[in-house]
N, C-alpha and C. Protein backbone atom coordinates (compact mmCIF):
# COMPACT_ATOMS: atom_id res chain seq x y z
N UNK A 1 80.03 129.55 85.76
CA UNK A 1 80.70 130.28 84.65
C UNK A 1 80.32 131.81 85.70
N UNK A 2 81.91 132.03 86.22
CA UNK A 2 82.05 133.63 86.73
C UNK A 2 81.90 134.61 85.56
N UNK A 3 81.01 135.59 86.30
CA UNK A 3 80.62 137.11 85.39
C UNK A 3 81.74 137.39 84.56
N UNK A 4 83.01 137.69 85.41
CA UNK A 4 84.05 138.40 84.58
C UNK A 4 85.43 137.48 84.85
N UNK A 5 85.10 136.06 84.27
CA UNK A 5 85.75 135.04 83.72
C UNK A 5 85.26 133.68 82.99
N UNK A 6 86.39 133.26 82.07
CA UNK A 6 86.15 131.93 81.57
C UNK A 6 87.11 131.33 81.77
N UNK A 7 86.80 130.20 82.22
CA UNK A 7 87.98 128.99 82.29
C UNK A 7 88.43 128.53 80.76
N UNK A 8 89.67 127.94 80.82
CA UNK A 8 89.97 127.25 79.61
C UNK A 8 89.24 126.35 79.30
N UNK A 9 88.89 125.30 80.17
CA UNK A 9 87.94 123.93 80.01
C UNK A 9 86.68 124.38 78.54
N UNK A 10 86.05 125.61 80.04
CA UNK A 10 84.86 126.57 79.09
C UNK A 10 84.57 127.27 77.97
N UNK A 11 85.98 127.78 77.88
CA UNK A 11 86.36 128.05 76.27
C UNK A 11 86.47 126.81 75.58
N UNK A 12 87.07 125.65 75.60
CA UNK A 12 87.24 124.66 74.82
C UNK A 12 85.75 124.42 74.30
N UNK A 13 84.94 123.79 75.35
CA UNK A 13 83.54 123.50 75.26
C UNK A 13 82.42 124.21 74.43
N UNK A 14 82.97 125.53 74.62
CA UNK A 14 82.30 126.87 73.87
C UNK A 14 82.44 126.54 72.45
N UNK A 15 83.60 126.22 72.28
CA UNK A 15 83.97 126.15 70.69
C UNK A 15 83.41 125.01 70.10
N UNK A 16 83.63 124.26 70.55
CA UNK A 16 83.29 122.79 70.25
C UNK A 16 81.62 122.78 70.13
N UNK A 17 81.28 123.66 70.90
CA UNK A 17 79.42 123.55 70.77
C UNK A 17 79.25 124.73 69.32
N UNK A 18 79.82 125.65 69.22
CA UNK A 18 79.51 126.96 68.44
C UNK A 18 79.85 126.15 67.21
N UNK A 19 81.45 125.36 66.93
CA UNK A 19 81.44 124.68 65.67
C UNK A 19 81.06 123.58 65.63
N UNK A 20 79.95 123.04 66.06
CA UNK A 20 79.38 121.40 65.80
C UNK A 20 79.57 121.45 64.82
N UNK A 21 79.25 121.95 63.65
CA UNK A 21 78.85 121.47 62.54
C UNK A 21 80.06 121.46 61.71
N UNK A 22 81.25 121.67 61.99
CA UNK A 22 82.24 121.29 61.73
C UNK A 22 82.76 119.66 61.67
N UNK A 23 82.22 119.24 63.33
CA UNK A 23 82.14 117.97 63.28
C UNK A 23 81.43 117.35 62.68
N UNK A 24 80.08 117.49 62.73
CA UNK A 24 78.82 116.77 62.29
C UNK A 24 79.01 116.88 60.43
N UNK A 25 79.08 117.92 59.92
CA UNK A 25 78.93 117.58 58.55
C UNK A 25 80.49 117.72 57.51
N UNK A 26 81.43 118.06 58.61
CA UNK A 26 82.89 118.24 57.73
C UNK A 26 84.01 116.94 58.39
N UNK A 27 83.41 116.49 59.29
CA UNK A 27 84.39 115.44 59.46
C UNK A 27 85.61 116.17 60.48
N UNK A 28 85.39 116.92 60.87
CA UNK A 28 86.66 117.52 62.12
C UNK A 28 86.63 116.42 62.94
N UNK A 29 87.95 116.88 63.30
CA UNK A 29 88.09 116.35 64.76
C UNK A 29 89.47 117.27 65.78
N UNK A 30 89.27 117.33 67.19
CA UNK A 30 90.46 118.19 67.58
C UNK A 30 91.49 117.72 67.70
N UNK A 31 92.65 118.35 67.02
CA UNK A 31 94.03 118.22 67.29
C UNK A 31 94.47 118.11 68.14
N UNK A 32 94.61 119.69 68.47
CA UNK A 32 94.84 119.86 69.90
C UNK A 32 94.45 120.67 70.81
N UNK A 33 94.74 121.01 72.16
CA UNK A 33 94.03 122.03 72.98
C UNK A 33 95.58 122.78 73.69
N UNK A 34 95.63 124.08 73.52
CA UNK A 34 96.55 124.82 74.32
C UNK A 34 96.40 126.16 75.00
N UNK A 35 97.04 126.31 76.16
CA UNK A 35 96.29 127.25 77.24
C UNK A 35 97.40 127.67 78.09
N UNK A 36 97.62 129.54 78.01
CA UNK A 36 98.08 129.96 79.20
C UNK A 36 97.87 131.17 79.68
N UNK A 37 97.42 130.42 81.27
CA UNK A 37 96.46 131.64 81.76
C UNK A 37 97.04 132.65 82.20
N UNK A 38 98.28 132.82 82.27
CA UNK A 38 99.18 134.51 82.86
C UNK A 38 98.65 135.05 81.71
N UNK A 39 98.85 134.83 80.48
CA UNK A 39 98.67 135.45 79.09
C UNK A 39 96.78 135.55 78.41
N UNK A 40 96.26 134.64 78.95
CA UNK A 40 95.05 135.10 79.17
C UNK A 40 94.77 134.70 77.48
N UNK A 41 95.06 133.31 77.60
CA UNK A 41 95.69 132.90 76.07
C UNK A 41 94.87 131.72 76.09
N UNK A 42 94.00 131.12 75.03
CA UNK A 42 93.83 129.35 74.67
C UNK A 42 93.29 129.35 73.21
N UNK A 43 94.20 127.75 72.71
CA UNK A 43 94.30 127.52 71.35
C UNK A 43 93.42 125.86 71.51
N UNK A 44 92.45 126.16 70.53
CA UNK A 44 92.11 124.73 69.58
C UNK A 44 91.76 124.88 68.66
N UNK A 45 92.80 123.50 68.03
CA UNK A 45 93.13 123.23 66.62
C UNK A 45 92.14 122.18 66.23
N UNK A 46 91.07 122.07 65.29
CA UNK A 46 90.30 121.58 64.33
C UNK A 46 90.83 121.00 63.07
N UNK A 47 91.14 119.53 63.08
CA UNK A 47 91.56 119.31 60.87
C UNK A 47 90.21 118.26 60.64
N UNK A 48 90.51 118.46 59.86
CA UNK A 48 89.57 117.66 58.74
C UNK A 48 90.91 116.81 57.98
N UNK A 49 90.12 116.12 56.80
CA UNK A 49 91.37 115.68 56.10
C UNK A 49 92.21 116.36 55.45
N UNK A 50 91.40 117.30 54.92
CA UNK A 50 92.33 118.46 54.27
C UNK A 50 92.85 119.99 54.25
N UNK A 51 91.96 120.51 55.34
CA UNK A 51 92.16 121.63 56.04
C UNK A 51 91.84 121.60 57.59
N UNK A 52 92.56 122.52 58.52
CA UNK A 52 92.60 122.91 59.98
C UNK A 52 91.84 124.11 60.00
N UNK A 53 91.16 124.48 61.16
CA UNK A 53 90.65 125.33 61.53
C UNK A 53 91.06 126.03 63.01
N UNK A 54 92.11 126.94 63.17
CA UNK A 54 92.18 127.58 64.31
C UNK A 54 91.76 128.11 65.20
N UNK A 55 91.15 128.78 66.57
CA UNK A 55 90.70 129.40 66.95
C UNK A 55 91.34 129.82 68.76
N UNK A 56 91.35 130.77 68.55
CA UNK A 56 92.49 131.45 69.48
C UNK A 56 91.66 132.32 70.30
N UNK A 57 91.70 132.53 71.90
CA UNK A 57 91.09 133.42 72.72
C UNK A 57 92.57 134.18 73.33
N UNK A 58 92.68 135.60 73.04
CA UNK A 58 93.79 136.17 73.49
C UNK A 58 93.30 137.44 73.92
N UNK A 59 93.35 137.67 75.39
CA UNK A 59 92.87 139.34 76.04
C UNK A 59 91.66 139.55 75.55
N UNK A 60 90.79 138.50 75.74
CA UNK A 60 89.30 139.01 75.22
C UNK A 60 88.85 138.99 73.77
N UNK A 61 90.26 138.85 73.29
CA UNK A 61 89.64 138.77 71.41
C UNK A 61 89.71 137.31 71.21
N UNK A 62 88.90 136.83 69.91
CA UNK A 62 88.70 135.56 69.09
C UNK A 62 89.46 135.33 68.32
N UNK A 63 90.40 135.52 67.54
CA UNK A 63 91.17 135.01 66.20
C UNK A 63 90.61 133.88 65.92
N UNK A 64 90.45 133.86 64.69
CA UNK A 64 90.31 132.41 63.82
C UNK A 64 91.14 132.25 62.51
N UNK A 65 91.82 131.45 62.36
CA UNK A 65 92.42 130.70 61.09
C UNK A 65 92.01 129.65 60.76
N UNK A 66 92.56 129.59 59.57
CA UNK A 66 92.52 128.39 58.41
C UNK A 66 93.89 128.05 57.74
N UNK A 67 93.69 127.11 57.24
CA UNK A 67 95.22 126.26 56.58
C UNK A 67 94.77 125.13 56.42
N UNK A 68 95.78 124.55 55.05
CA UNK A 68 95.96 123.46 55.31
C UNK A 68 96.21 122.30 56.27
N UNK A 69 95.54 121.15 56.12
CA UNK A 69 95.75 120.01 57.37
C UNK A 69 96.72 120.42 57.70
N UNK A 70 98.07 120.03 57.21
CA UNK A 70 99.84 120.24 57.69
C UNK A 70 99.64 121.26 58.14
N UNK A 71 100.20 120.94 59.72
CA UNK A 71 100.69 121.99 60.50
C UNK A 71 101.49 122.80 60.42
N UNK A 72 102.78 122.18 59.36
CA UNK A 72 104.05 123.10 58.96
C UNK A 72 103.60 123.78 57.85
N UNK A 73 102.16 124.08 57.45
CA UNK A 73 102.09 124.57 56.02
C UNK A 73 101.58 126.07 56.68
N UNK A 74 101.73 127.22 56.06
CA UNK A 74 101.33 128.82 56.57
C UNK A 74 99.63 128.42 56.89
N UNK A 75 99.05 128.88 57.54
CA UNK A 75 97.72 129.29 58.34
C UNK A 75 97.30 130.55 57.54
N UNK A 76 96.09 131.09 57.62
CA UNK A 76 95.51 132.40 57.27
C UNK A 76 94.75 132.94 58.06
N UNK A 77 94.31 134.03 58.66
CA UNK A 77 93.42 134.47 59.27
C UNK A 77 92.59 134.69 58.16
N UNK A 78 91.14 134.00 58.75
CA UNK A 78 89.79 133.82 58.35
C UNK A 78 89.66 134.95 57.64
N UNK A 79 89.57 136.46 58.13
CA UNK A 79 89.11 137.57 57.55
C UNK A 79 89.73 137.08 55.90
N UNK A 80 91.40 137.28 56.20
CA UNK A 80 92.16 137.07 54.96
C UNK A 80 91.65 135.99 53.68
N UNK A 81 91.05 134.80 54.34
CA UNK A 81 90.50 134.05 53.03
C UNK A 81 89.41 134.18 52.62
N UNK A 82 88.39 135.30 53.61
CA UNK A 82 87.07 135.30 52.75
C UNK A 82 87.20 136.53 51.83
N UNK A 83 88.37 137.71 51.71
CA UNK A 83 88.72 138.72 51.11
C UNK A 83 89.16 138.04 49.78
N UNK A 84 89.73 137.02 49.99
CA UNK A 84 90.75 136.21 48.69
C UNK A 84 89.23 135.46 47.96
N UNK A 85 88.15 134.83 48.41
CA UNK A 85 87.25 134.41 47.98
C UNK A 85 86.49 134.87 47.63
N UNK A 86 86.46 136.34 47.62
CA UNK A 86 85.30 136.86 47.41
C UNK A 86 85.70 138.17 46.33
N UNK A 87 87.59 137.93 45.79
CA UNK A 87 87.87 139.10 45.48
C UNK A 87 87.40 140.30 45.61
N UNK A 88 87.50 140.80 47.14
CA UNK A 88 87.30 142.05 47.13
C UNK A 88 88.65 142.86 47.65
N UNK A 89 88.73 143.99 47.74
CA UNK A 89 89.79 144.50 47.90
C UNK A 89 90.49 144.52 49.21
N UNK A 90 91.75 144.36 49.22
CA UNK A 90 92.63 143.65 50.69
C UNK A 90 92.08 144.65 51.35
N UNK A 91 92.00 145.72 51.60
CA UNK A 91 91.46 146.76 53.05
C UNK A 91 90.21 146.28 53.26
N UNK A 92 89.30 145.38 52.72
CA UNK A 92 88.30 144.73 53.27
C UNK A 92 88.51 144.27 54.71
N UNK A 93 89.89 143.51 54.06
CA UNK A 93 90.00 142.87 55.50
C UNK A 93 90.36 143.41 56.90
N UNK A 94 90.90 144.72 56.73
CA UNK A 94 90.89 145.36 58.15
C UNK A 94 89.76 145.58 58.83
N UNK A 95 89.70 145.27 59.95
CA UNK A 95 88.25 145.40 60.79
C UNK A 95 87.28 144.89 60.62
N UNK A 96 87.36 143.68 59.60
CA UNK A 96 86.64 142.64 59.31
C UNK A 96 85.90 142.06 60.55
N UNK A 97 86.72 141.73 61.44
CA UNK A 97 86.01 141.34 62.83
C UNK A 97 85.15 142.54 63.65
N UNK A 98 83.84 141.79 63.74
CA UNK A 98 83.17 143.08 64.57
C UNK A 98 83.63 143.80 65.67
N UNK A 99 82.84 144.75 65.91
CA UNK A 99 83.66 144.98 67.53
C UNK A 99 81.89 144.57 68.39
N UNK A 100 82.46 144.64 69.95
CA UNK A 100 81.20 144.23 70.87
C UNK A 100 80.96 145.32 71.76
N UNK A 101 79.80 145.22 72.31
CA UNK A 101 79.66 146.11 73.41
C UNK A 101 80.33 146.01 74.14
N UNK A 102 81.05 146.74 75.09
CA UNK A 102 82.25 146.87 76.04
C UNK A 102 81.61 146.48 77.10
N UNK A 103 80.22 146.75 77.34
CA UNK A 103 79.92 146.73 79.14
C UNK A 103 79.52 145.39 78.67
N UNK A 104 79.26 144.69 77.96
CA UNK A 104 79.59 143.07 78.08
C UNK A 104 80.03 142.06 79.01
N UNK A 105 79.70 141.37 79.99
CA UNK A 105 81.00 140.90 80.95
C UNK A 105 82.03 140.20 79.85
N UNK A 106 82.97 139.56 80.35
CA UNK A 106 84.19 139.06 79.76
C UNK A 106 83.57 137.42 78.90
N UNK A 107 82.95 136.84 79.76
CA UNK A 107 82.24 135.27 79.05
C UNK A 107 81.20 135.92 78.06
N UNK A 108 80.21 137.06 77.70
CA UNK A 108 79.56 137.01 76.95
C UNK A 108 80.14 137.90 75.75
N UNK A 109 81.14 138.86 76.10
CA UNK A 109 81.99 138.72 74.99
C UNK A 109 82.51 137.89 74.34
N UNK A 110 83.17 136.97 74.58
CA UNK A 110 84.12 136.06 73.99
C UNK A 110 83.04 135.30 73.54
N UNK A 111 81.75 134.61 73.95
CA UNK A 111 80.35 134.14 73.25
C UNK A 111 80.10 134.72 72.27
N UNK A 112 80.08 135.57 72.42
CA UNK A 112 79.35 136.79 70.71
C UNK A 112 80.15 136.99 70.10
N UNK A 113 81.59 136.80 70.11
CA UNK A 113 82.69 136.78 69.52
C UNK A 113 83.01 135.34 68.45
N UNK A 114 82.77 134.24 69.30
CA UNK A 114 82.88 132.92 69.03
C UNK A 114 81.05 132.48 67.90
N UNK A 115 80.40 133.18 68.41
CA UNK A 115 79.02 132.82 67.65
C UNK A 115 78.80 133.58 66.47
N UNK A 116 79.60 134.68 66.69
CA UNK A 116 79.85 135.47 65.37
C UNK A 116 80.83 134.71 63.76
N UNK A 117 81.95 134.12 64.90
CA UNK A 117 82.99 133.39 63.70
C UNK A 117 82.19 132.44 63.20
N UNK A 118 81.85 131.74 63.95
CA UNK A 118 81.17 130.41 63.48
C UNK A 118 79.89 130.20 62.19
N UNK A 119 79.20 131.32 62.72
CA UNK A 119 78.32 131.57 61.51
C UNK A 119 78.99 132.20 60.04
N UNK A 120 79.88 132.93 60.67
CA UNK A 120 80.82 133.27 58.82
C UNK A 120 81.42 132.67 59.01
N UNK A 121 82.39 131.65 59.08
CA UNK A 121 82.29 130.52 58.79
C UNK A 121 81.44 129.37 58.28
N UNK A 122 80.86 129.03 58.99
CA UNK A 122 79.91 128.39 58.10
C UNK A 122 79.53 128.96 56.83
N UNK A 123 79.45 129.96 56.31
CA UNK A 123 78.74 130.74 55.00
C UNK A 123 80.23 129.81 54.24
N UNK A 124 81.30 129.75 54.57
CA UNK A 124 82.36 129.79 53.54
C UNK A 124 82.99 128.38 53.61
N UNK A 125 82.39 127.30 54.32
CA UNK A 125 82.94 126.15 54.76
C UNK A 125 83.18 125.40 53.43
N UNK A 126 82.43 125.08 52.48
CA UNK A 126 82.54 124.60 51.37
C UNK A 126 84.32 124.86 50.40
N UNK A 127 83.56 126.45 50.27
CA UNK A 127 84.63 127.18 49.26
C UNK A 127 85.83 126.61 50.06
N UNK A 128 86.07 126.59 51.23
CA UNK A 128 87.85 126.93 52.18
C UNK A 128 87.70 125.39 51.81
N UNK A 129 86.91 124.31 51.94
CA UNK A 129 87.58 123.16 51.85
C UNK A 129 88.25 122.95 50.43
N UNK A 130 87.54 123.21 49.29
CA UNK A 130 88.07 123.17 48.20
C UNK A 130 88.96 123.80 47.71
N UNK A 131 89.39 125.45 48.24
CA UNK A 131 90.82 125.82 48.38
C UNK A 131 91.92 124.78 48.65
N UNK A 132 91.45 124.53 49.91
CA UNK A 132 92.89 123.76 50.42
C UNK A 132 92.86 121.97 50.12
N UNK A 133 92.32 121.45 49.08
CA UNK A 133 92.52 120.18 48.46
C UNK A 133 93.94 120.46 48.04
N UNK A 134 94.61 119.30 48.10
CA UNK A 134 96.13 119.96 47.45
C UNK A 134 95.94 120.05 46.39
N UNK A 135 95.20 119.78 45.29
CA UNK A 135 94.93 119.87 43.52
C UNK A 135 95.02 121.68 43.63
N UNK A 136 93.78 121.81 44.46
CA UNK A 136 93.53 123.70 44.54
C UNK A 136 94.60 124.19 45.29
N UNK A 137 95.36 123.66 46.15
CA UNK A 137 96.13 124.20 46.76
C UNK A 137 97.75 124.78 46.46
N UNK A 138 98.05 123.68 45.15
CA UNK A 138 99.02 124.09 44.43
C UNK A 138 99.03 125.11 43.13
N UNK A 139 97.66 125.19 43.02
CA UNK A 139 97.21 126.46 42.06
C UNK A 139 97.67 128.01 42.93
N UNK A 140 96.45 127.54 43.69
CA UNK A 140 95.90 129.03 44.70
C UNK A 140 96.54 129.49 45.74
N UNK A 141 97.54 128.25 46.31
CA UNK A 141 98.48 128.74 47.44
C UNK A 141 99.45 130.00 47.31
N UNK A 142 99.82 129.76 46.31
CA UNK A 142 101.19 131.02 45.94
C UNK A 142 100.09 132.41 46.19
N UNK A 143 99.03 132.30 45.35
CA UNK A 143 98.42 133.92 45.08
C UNK A 143 97.71 133.89 46.07
N UNK A 144 97.18 132.93 47.03
CA UNK A 144 96.54 133.15 48.75
C UNK A 144 97.39 133.96 49.10
N UNK A 145 98.94 133.69 49.27
CA UNK A 145 100.20 133.82 50.00
C UNK A 145 100.50 135.22 50.14
N UNK A 146 100.34 135.56 48.52
CA UNK A 146 100.80 136.98 47.90
C UNK A 146 99.69 137.86 47.97
N UNK A 147 98.21 137.41 48.55
CA UNK A 147 96.90 138.17 48.82
C UNK A 147 97.37 138.67 50.10
N UNK A 148 97.66 137.74 51.02
CA UNK A 148 97.63 137.94 52.43
C UNK A 148 98.76 138.69 52.80
N UNK A 149 99.79 139.07 52.30
CA UNK A 149 101.11 139.91 52.07
C UNK A 149 100.26 141.32 51.87
N UNK A 150 99.29 141.34 50.58
CA UNK A 150 98.83 142.79 50.47
C UNK A 150 98.14 143.38 51.60
N UNK A 151 97.23 142.35 52.06
CA UNK A 151 96.39 142.91 53.48
C UNK A 151 97.45 143.28 54.62
N UNK A 152 98.38 142.39 54.65
CA UNK A 152 99.20 143.20 55.81
C UNK A 152 100.03 144.38 55.43
N UNK A 153 100.29 145.06 54.09
CA UNK A 153 100.85 145.79 53.90
C UNK A 153 99.74 146.98 54.00
N UNK A 154 98.51 146.78 53.82
CA UNK A 154 97.23 147.84 54.02
C UNK A 154 97.44 148.01 55.49
N UNK A 155 97.46 146.81 56.42
CA UNK A 155 97.14 147.08 57.75
C UNK A 155 98.64 148.04 58.27
N UNK A 156 99.53 147.60 58.17
CA UNK A 156 100.47 148.60 58.38
C UNK A 156 100.58 149.83 57.82
N UNK A 157 100.03 150.33 56.44
CA UNK A 157 99.38 151.32 56.10
C UNK A 157 98.33 152.45 57.12
N UNK A 158 97.52 151.24 57.25
CA UNK A 158 96.40 152.30 57.85
C UNK A 158 96.84 152.43 59.31
N UNK A 159 98.14 151.35 60.16
CA UNK A 159 98.20 151.76 61.28
C UNK A 159 99.13 153.03 61.33
N UNK A 160 100.06 153.63 60.53
CA UNK A 160 101.02 154.43 59.66
C UNK A 160 100.12 156.02 60.03
N UNK A 161 99.00 155.99 59.18
CA UNK A 161 98.07 156.87 59.38
C UNK A 161 97.23 157.44 60.89
N UNK A 162 97.21 156.00 61.15
CA UNK A 162 96.47 156.47 62.83
C UNK A 162 97.42 157.06 63.54
N UNK A 163 98.53 156.46 63.13
CA UNK A 163 99.41 157.40 64.47
C UNK A 163 100.32 158.61 63.89
N UNK A 164 100.06 158.86 62.44
CA UNK A 164 100.48 159.94 62.11
C UNK A 164 99.52 161.26 62.36
N UNK A 165 98.16 160.66 62.49
CA UNK A 165 97.05 161.80 62.69
C UNK A 165 96.95 162.48 64.41
N UNK A 166 97.64 161.55 65.35
CA UNK A 166 97.56 161.79 66.57
C UNK A 166 98.34 162.95 67.08
């Protein structure tokens, strides 16, 4: 591995390593892998019988989303799901992702983010799996969509404040 580069296959392998517990304990499988090197983008989608996890790398940042297993159903940022499950204020989702030492080389920054997200997701796996069962999602899905909308409104408000103070 080059100190300042991470190949797509290295990224996919690291995801499979950090999120191994999804395969071993929750019956996940790789549903798809896609990449666009010109945009420094790679995504791997893992699915189980009732929910999916999408792990993306774009321009040095890792994003994790979860949703019902059907790809035609809406997915959500993991931070939105966690604030929903914990009944935290919508503003808590803003800045949920940790910041990492900018002096780390590119592969180390990606690794640190993958490790952090894998650890966070492992704490919520059972609750997320329950949320996305067909029976539970029929009831909780509309509430989750509304919750996610509140978070997005809060994010736009915070962005507006940031620009207004410049």
